[in-house]
PDB file of N, CA and C in Angstrom:
ATOM      1  N   MET A   1     104.232 107.352  93.505  1.00  0.00           N
ATOM      2  CA  MET A   1     105.116 107.378  91.996  1.00  0.00           C
ATOM      3  C   MET A   1     104.260 106.721  91.101  1.00  0.00           C
ATOM      4  N   ILE A   2     103.848 106.799  90.310  1.00  0.00           N
ATOM      5  CA  ILE A   2     103.396 106.014  88.627  1.00  0.00           C
ATOM      6  C   ILE A   2     104.508 105.523  88.322  1.00  0.00           C
ATOM      7  N   ALA A   3     104.197 104.146  88.174  1.00  0.00           N
ATOM      8  CA  ALA A   3     105.061 102.890  87.890  1.00  0.00           C
ATOM      9  C   ALA A   3     104.988 102.648  85.740  1.00  0.00           C
ATOM     10  N   GLU A   4     105.579 102.650  85.231  1.00  0.00           N
ATOM     11  CA  GLU A   4     105.586 101.682  84.235  1.00  0.00           C
ATOM     12  C   GLU A   4     106.119 100.568  84.130  1.00  0.00           C
ATOM     13  N   VAL A   5     105.179  99.519  84.034  1.00  0.00           N
ATOM     14  CA  VAL A   5     105.720  98.305  83.839  1.00  0.00           C
ATOM     15  C   VAL A   5     105.846  97.247  82.349  1.00  0.00           C
ATOM     16  N   ILE A   6     107.249  96.429  82.268  1.00  0.00           N
ATOM     17  CA  ILE A   6     107.420  95.853  80.769  1.00  0.00           C
ATOM     18  C   ILE A   6     106.169  94.975  80.439  1.00  0.00           C
ATOM     19  N   ILE A   7     106.455  94.949  79.285  1.00  0.00           N
ATOM     20  CA  ILE A   7     105.570  93.813  78.445  1.00  0.00           C
ATOM     21  C   ILE A   7     106.565  92.787  79.139  1.00  0.00           C
ATOM     22  N   PRO A   8     106.079  91.195  79.098  1.00  0.00           N
ATOM     23  CA  PRO A   8     104.529  91.015  79.243  1.00  0.00           C
ATOM     24  C   PRO A   8     103.458  91.044  80.549  1.00  0.00           C
ATOM     25  N   ILE A   9     104.181  91.499  81.685  1.00  0.00           N
ATOM     26  CA  ILE A   9     103.458  92.131  82.898  1.00  0.00           C
ATOM     27  C   ILE A   9     102.790  93.242  82.750  1.00  0.00           C
ATOM     28  N   ASP A  10     101.584  93.147  82.926  1.00  0.00           N
ATOM     29  CA  ASP A  10     100.069  93.975  82.835  1.00  0.00           C
ATOM     30  C   ASP A  10     100.126  94.869  83.740  1.00  0.00           C
ATOM     31  N   THR A  11     100.090  94.141  85.053  1.00  0.00           N
ATOM     32  CA  THR A  11      99.469  95.096  86.190  1.00  0.00           C
ATOM     33  C   THR A  11     100.411  93.853  87.319  1.00  0.00           C
ATOM     34  N   LEU A  12     101.037  94.698  88.594  1.00  0.00           N
ATOM     35  CA  LEU A  12     101.494  94.275  89.862  1.00  0.00           C
ATOM     36  C   LEU A  12     100.138  94.669  90.958  1.00  0.00           C
ATOM     37  N   ARG A  13      99.798  93.788  91.787  1.00  0.00           N
ATOM     38  CA  ARG A  13      99.318  93.920  93.231  1.00  0.00           C
ATOM     39  C   ARG A  13      99.891  93.551  93.975  1.00  0.00           C
ATOM     40  N   GLY A  14     100.288  94.121  95.066  1.00  0.00           N
ATOM     41  CA  GLY A  14     100.793  93.593  96.657  1.00  0.00           C
ATOM     42  C   GLY A  14     101.884  94.115  96.446  1.00  0.00           C
ATOM     43  N   GLN A  15     102.787  93.272  97.566  1.00  0.00           N
ATOM     44  CA  GLN A  15     104.046  93.615  97.631  1.00  0.00           C
ATOM     45  C   GLN A  15     104.956  92.770  97.124  1.00  0.00           C
ATOM     46  N   LEU A  16     106.025  92.891  96.396  1.00  0.00           N
ATOM     47  CA  LEU A  16     107.175  92.139  95.907  1.00  0.00           C
ATOM     48  C   LEU A  16     108.174  91.181  97.083  1.00  0.00           C
ATOM     49  N   ARG A  17     108.476  91.959  98.079  1.00  0.00           N
ATOM     50  CA  ARG A  17     109.265  91.643  98.832  1.00  0.00           C
ATOM     51  C   ARG A  17     108.751  92.671 100.052  1.00  0.00           C
ATOM     52  N   LYS A  18     109.430  92.101 101.224  1.00  0.00           N
ATOM     53  CA  LYS A  18     109.178  93.284 102.139  1.00  0.00           C
ATOM     54  C   LYS A  18     110.244  94.361 102.625  1.00  0.00           C
ATOM     55  N   ASP A  19     110.126  95.128 101.398  1.00  0.00           N
ATOM     56  CA  ASP A  19     111.135  96.863 101.174  1.00  0.00           C
ATOM     57  C   ASP A  19     110.046  97.980 101.700  1.00  0.00           C
ATOM     58  N   GLY A  20     108.745  97.982 101.924  1.00  0.00           N
ATOM     59  CA  GLY A  20     107.841  98.749 102.772  1.00  0.00           C
ATOM     60  C   GLY A  20     107.451  99.044 101.464  1.00  0.00           C
ATOM     61  N   TYR A  21     106.863  98.199 100.260  1.00  0.00           N
ATOM     62  CA  TYR A  21     106.374  99.427  99.075  1.00  0.00           C
ATOM     63  C   TYR A  21     105.819  98.552  98.740  1.00  0.00           C
ATOM     64  N   TYR A  22     104.609  98.874  97.933  1.00  0.00           N
ATOM     65  CA  TYR A  22     103.339  97.507  97.694  1.00  0.00           C
ATOM     66  C   TYR A  22     102.774  98.106  95.996  1.00  0.00           C
ATOM     67  N   PHE A  23     102.538  97.323  95.274  1.00  0.00           N
ATOM     68  CA  PHE A  23     101.768  98.378  94.228  1.00  0.00           C
ATOM     69  C   PHE A  23     100.199  97.683  94.253  1.00  0.00           C
ATOM     70  N   ARG A  24      99.677  99.164  93.487  1.00  0.00           N
ATOM     71  CA  ARG A  24      97.897  98.617  92.779  1.00  0.00           C
ATOM     72  C   ARG A  24      97.887  99.450  91.858  1.00  0.00           C
ATOM     73  N   MET A  25      96.933  99.837  90.909  1.00  0.00           N
ATOM     74  CA  MET A  25      96.371 100.126  90.389  1.00  0.00           C
ATOM     75  C   MET A  25      95.310 101.178  90.226  1.00  0.00           C
ATOM     76  N   TYR A  26      95.386 102.121  90.128  1.00  0.00           N
ATOM     77  CA  TYR A  26      94.740 103.511  90.593  1.00  0.00           C
ATOM     78  C   TYR A  26      93.922 104.508  89.630  1.00  0.00           C
ATOM     79  N   LYS A  27      92.929 104.327  89.123  1.00  0.00           N
ATOM     80  CA  LYS A  27      92.525 105.200  87.778  1.00  0.00           C
ATOM     81  C   LYS A  27      93.350 104.749  86.379  1.00  0.00           C
ATOM     82  N   GLY A  28      93.227 103.178  86.441  1.00  0.00           N
ATOM     83  CA  GLY A  28      93.789 102.587  85.244  1.00  0.00           C
ATOM     84  C   GLY A  28      95.209 102.953  85.012  1.00  0.00           C
ATOM     85  N   LYS A  29      95.938 103.177  86.179  1.00  0.00           N
ATOM     86  CA  LYS A  29      97.474 103.687  86.508  1.00  0.00           C
ATOM     87  C   LYS A  29      98.319 102.574  87.816  1.00  0.00           C
ATOM     88  N   GLN A  30      98.779 102.435  87.399  1.00  0.00           N
ATOM     89  CA  GLN A  30     100.178 101.396  87.757  1.00  0.00           C
ATOM     90  C   GLN A  30     100.527 102.091  88.882  1.00  0.00           C
ATOM     91  N   ILE A  31     100.391 102.104  90.652  1.00  0.00           N
ATOM     92  CA  ILE A  31     100.790 103.045  91.427  1.00  0.00           C
ATOM     93  C   ILE A  31     101.639 102.335  92.237  1.00  0.00           C
ATOM     94  N   VAL A  32     103.231 102.631  93.009  1.00  0.00           N
ATOM     95  CA  VAL A  32     103.392 102.316  94.030  1.00  0.00           C
ATOM     96  C   VAL A  32     103.763 103.246  95.392  1.00  0.00           C
ATOM     97  N   GLN A  33     103.489 102.644  96.485  1.00  0.00           N
ATOM     98  CA  GLN A  33     102.871 103.663  97.574  1.00  0.00           C
ATOM     99  C   GLN A  33     103.612 102.500  98.638  1.00  0.00           C
ATOM    100  N   ARG A  34     104.419 103.100  99.726  1.00  0.00           N
ATOM    101  CA  ARG A  34     105.228 103.104 100.821  1.00  0.00           C
ATOM    102  C   ARG A  34     103.904 102.371 101.518  1.00  0.00           C
ATOM    103  N   CYS A  35     104.543 101.327 102.165  1.00  0.00           N
ATOM    104  CA  CYS A  35     103.405 101.050 103.412  1.00  0.00           C
ATOM    105  C   CYS A  35     103.573 101.558 104.620  1.00  0.00           C
ATOM    106  N   PRO A  36     101.920 101.792 105.040  1.00  0.00           N
ATOM    107  CA  PRO A  36     101.811 102.795 106.546  1.00  0.00           C
ATOM    108  C   PRO A  36     102.622 101.444 107.860  1.00  0.00           C
ATOM    109  N   ASN A  37     102.914 102.443 108.479  1.00  0.00           N
ATOM    110  CA  ASN A  37     103.797 102.336 109.902  1.00  0.00           C
ATOM    111  C   ASN A  37     102.983 102.798 110.330  1.00  0.00           C
ATOM    112  N   ARG A  38     102.804 101.362 111.232  1.00  0.00           N
ATOM    113  CA  ARG A  38     101.812 101.284 112.230  1.00  0.00           C
ATOM    114  C   ARG A  38     102.346 101.035 113.692  1.00  0.00           C
ATOM    115  N   LYS A  39     103.375 100.950 113.850  1.00  0.00           N
ATOM    116  CA  LYS A  39     104.501  99.949 115.021  1.00  0.00           C
ATOM    117  C   LYS A  39     104.108 100.966 116.267  1.00  0.00           C
ATOM    118  N   GLU A  40     103.689 102.099 115.886  1.00  0.00           N
ATOM    119  CA  GLU A  40     103.968 103.460 117.159  1.00  0.00           C
ATOM    120  C   GLU A  40     102.421 103.772 117.312  1.00  0.00           C
ATOM    121  N   HIS A  41     101.496 102.991 116.851  1.00  0.00           N
ATOM    122  CA  HIS A  41      99.928 104.014 116.363  1.00  0.00           C
ATOM    123  C   HIS A  41      99.498 103.662 117.900  1.00  0.00           C
ATOM    124  N   VAL A  42      98.929 104.254 118.635  1.00  0.00           N
ATOM    125  CA  VAL A  42      97.932 104.234 119.871  1.00  0.00           C
ATOM    126  C   VAL A  42      95.904 104.315 119.663  1.00  0.00           C
ATOM    127  N   LYS A  43      95.481 103.302 119.981  1.00  0.00           N
ATOM    128  CA  LYS A  43      93.792 103.617 119.473  1.00  0.00           C
ATOM    129  C   LYS A  43      93.351 104.777 120.206  1.00  0.00           C
ATOM    130  N   THR A  44      92.587 105.438 119.138  1.00  0.00           N
ATOM    131  CA  THR A  44      91.382 106.492 120.256  1.00  0.00           C
ATOM    132  C   THR A  44      90.554 105.462 120.525  1.00  0.00           C
ATOM    133  N   ALA A  45      90.153 106.437 121.427  1.00  0.00           N
ATOM    134  CA  ALA A  45      88.467 105.968 121.930  1.00  0.00           C
ATOM    135  C   ALA A  45      87.615 105.389 120.510  1.00  0.00           C
ATOM    136  N   ASN A  46      87.318 106.348 119.664  1.00  0.00           N
ATOM    137  CA  ASN A  46      86.430 105.775 118.374  1.00  0.00           C
ATOM    138  C   ASN A  46      87.281 104.699 117.628  1.00  0.00           C
ATOM    139  N   GLU A  47      88.662 104.323 117.301  1.00  0.00           N
ATOM    140  CA  GLU A  47      89.105 103.873 116.568  1.00  0.00           C
ATOM    141  C   GLU A  47      88.965 101.971 117.722  1.00  0.00           C
ATOM    142  N   GLN A  48      88.974 102.149 119.251  1.00  0.00           N
ATOM    143  CA  GLN A  48      88.888 101.433 119.845  1.00  0.00           C
ATOM    144  C   GLN A  48      87.101 100.600 119.588  1.00  0.00           C
ATOM    145  N   ALA A  49      86.155 101.602 119.802  1.00  0.00           N
ATOM    146  CA  ALA A  49      85.151 101.104 119.752  1.00  0.00           C
ATOM    147  C   ALA A  49      84.715 100.715 118.708  1.00  0.00           C
ATOM    148  N   ASN A  50      85.201 101.627 117.581  1.00  0.00           N
ATOM    149  CA  ASN A  50      85.112 100.504 115.775  1.00  0.00           C
ATOM    150  C   ASN A  50      85.295  99.114 116.106  1.00  0.00           C
ATOM    151  N   GLN A  51      86.453  98.538 116.964  1.00  0.00           N
ATOM    152  CA  GLN A  51      87.045  97.919 116.528  1.00  0.00           C
ATOM    153  C   GLN A  51      85.977  96.591 117.550  1.00  0.00           C
ATOM    154  N   GLU A  52      84.985  97.032 118.448  1.00  0.00           N
ATOM    155  CA  GLU A  52      84.839  96.094 119.723  1.00  0.00           C
ATOM    156  C   GLU A  52      83.029  95.947 119.023  1.00  0.00           C
ATOM    157  N   ARG A  53      83.145  97.133 118.263  1.00  0.00           N
ATOM    158  CA  ARG A  53      81.567  96.878 117.147  1.00  0.00           C
ATOM    159  C   ARG A  53      81.758  95.806 116.010  1.00  0.00           C
ATOM    160  N   PHE A  54      82.451  96.067 115.649  1.00  0.00           N
ATOM    161  CA  PHE A  54      83.559  95.122 114.540  1.00  0.00           C
ATOM    162  C   PHE A  54      83.281  93.377 114.922  1.00  0.00           C
ATOM    163  N   VAL A  55      83.911  93.104 116.160  1.00  0.00           N
ATOM    164  CA  VAL A  55      84.239  91.919 116.533  1.00  0.00           C
ATOM    165  C   VAL A  55      82.820  91.692 117.042  1.00  0.00           C
ATOM    166  N   GLU A  56      82.160  92.349 117.722  1.00  0.00           N
ATOM    167  CA  GLU A  56      80.474  91.963 117.949  1.00  0.00           C
ATOM    168  C   GLU A  56      79.914  91.224 116.755  1.00  0.00           C
ATOM    169  N   ARG A  57      79.808  91.807 115.512  1.00  0.00           N
ATOM    170  CA  ARG A  57      79.344  91.596 114.752  1.00  0.00           C
ATOM    171  C   ARG A  57      80.053  91.021 113.990  1.00  0.00           C
ATOM    172  N   TYR A  58      80.746  90.582 113.466  1.00  0.00           N
ATOM    173  CA  TYR A  58      81.314  89.467 112.794  1.00  0.00           C
ATOM    174  C   TYR A  58      82.435  88.328 112.968  1.00  0.00           C
ATOM    175  N   ARG A  59      82.566  88.440 114.486  1.00  0.00           N
ATOM    176  CA  ARG A  59      82.710  87.199 114.974  1.00  0.00           C
ATOM    177  C   ARG A  59      82.043  85.922 114.279  1.00  0.00           C
ATOM    178  N   LYS A  60      82.901  84.654 114.170  1.00  0.00           N
ATOM    179  CA  LYS A  60      82.366  83.727 114.290  1.00  0.00           C
ATOM    180  C   LYS A  60      82.317  82.518 115.123  1.00  0.00           C
ATOM    181  N   LYS A  61      80.861  82.339 116.321  1.00  0.00           N
ATOM    182  CA  LYS A  61      81.110  81.957 117.451  1.00  0.00           C
ATOM    183  C   LYS A  61      81.104  79.959 117.240  1.00  0.00           C
ATOM    184  N   LYS A  62      82.263  79.391 118.369  1.00  0.00           N
ATOM    185  CA  LYS A  62      82.326  78.066 117.736  1.00  0.00           C
ATOM    186  C   LYS A  62      81.327  76.995 118.646  1.00  0.00           C
ATOM    187  N   ASP A  63      81.641  76.226 117.505  1.00  0.00           N
ATOM    188  CA  ASP A  63      80.248  75.471 118.060  1.00  0.00           C
ATOM    189  C   ASP A  63      80.488  74.068 118.959  1.00  0.00           C
ATOM    190  N   ALA A  64      79.471  74.357 120.421  1.00  0.00           N
ATOM    191  CA  ALA A  64      79.916  73.792 121.162  1.00  0.00           C
ATOM    192  C   ALA A  64      79.792  71.970 121.197  1.00  0.00           C
ATOM    193  N   ASP A  65      80.994  71.209 121.287  1.00  0.00           N
ATOM    194  CA  ASP A  65      81.177  70.224 121.487  1.00  0.00           C
ATOM    195  C   ASP A  65      80.425  69.040 121.905  1.00  0.00           C
TER     196      ASP A  65
END
């Protein structure tokens, strides 16, 4: 859905409230989108492998005191 915002508001980004929609800019237009619902999502083997690779690469190591 393309949204028109009123002046003095130029653009909106993110969620305004927890109603399941968020705002973003796309190619110079203000877009309203439904938030994805991933409550019942089951990771595939590829998704799990990608997540593990990401953690190995970017996790922060704790300093030994």
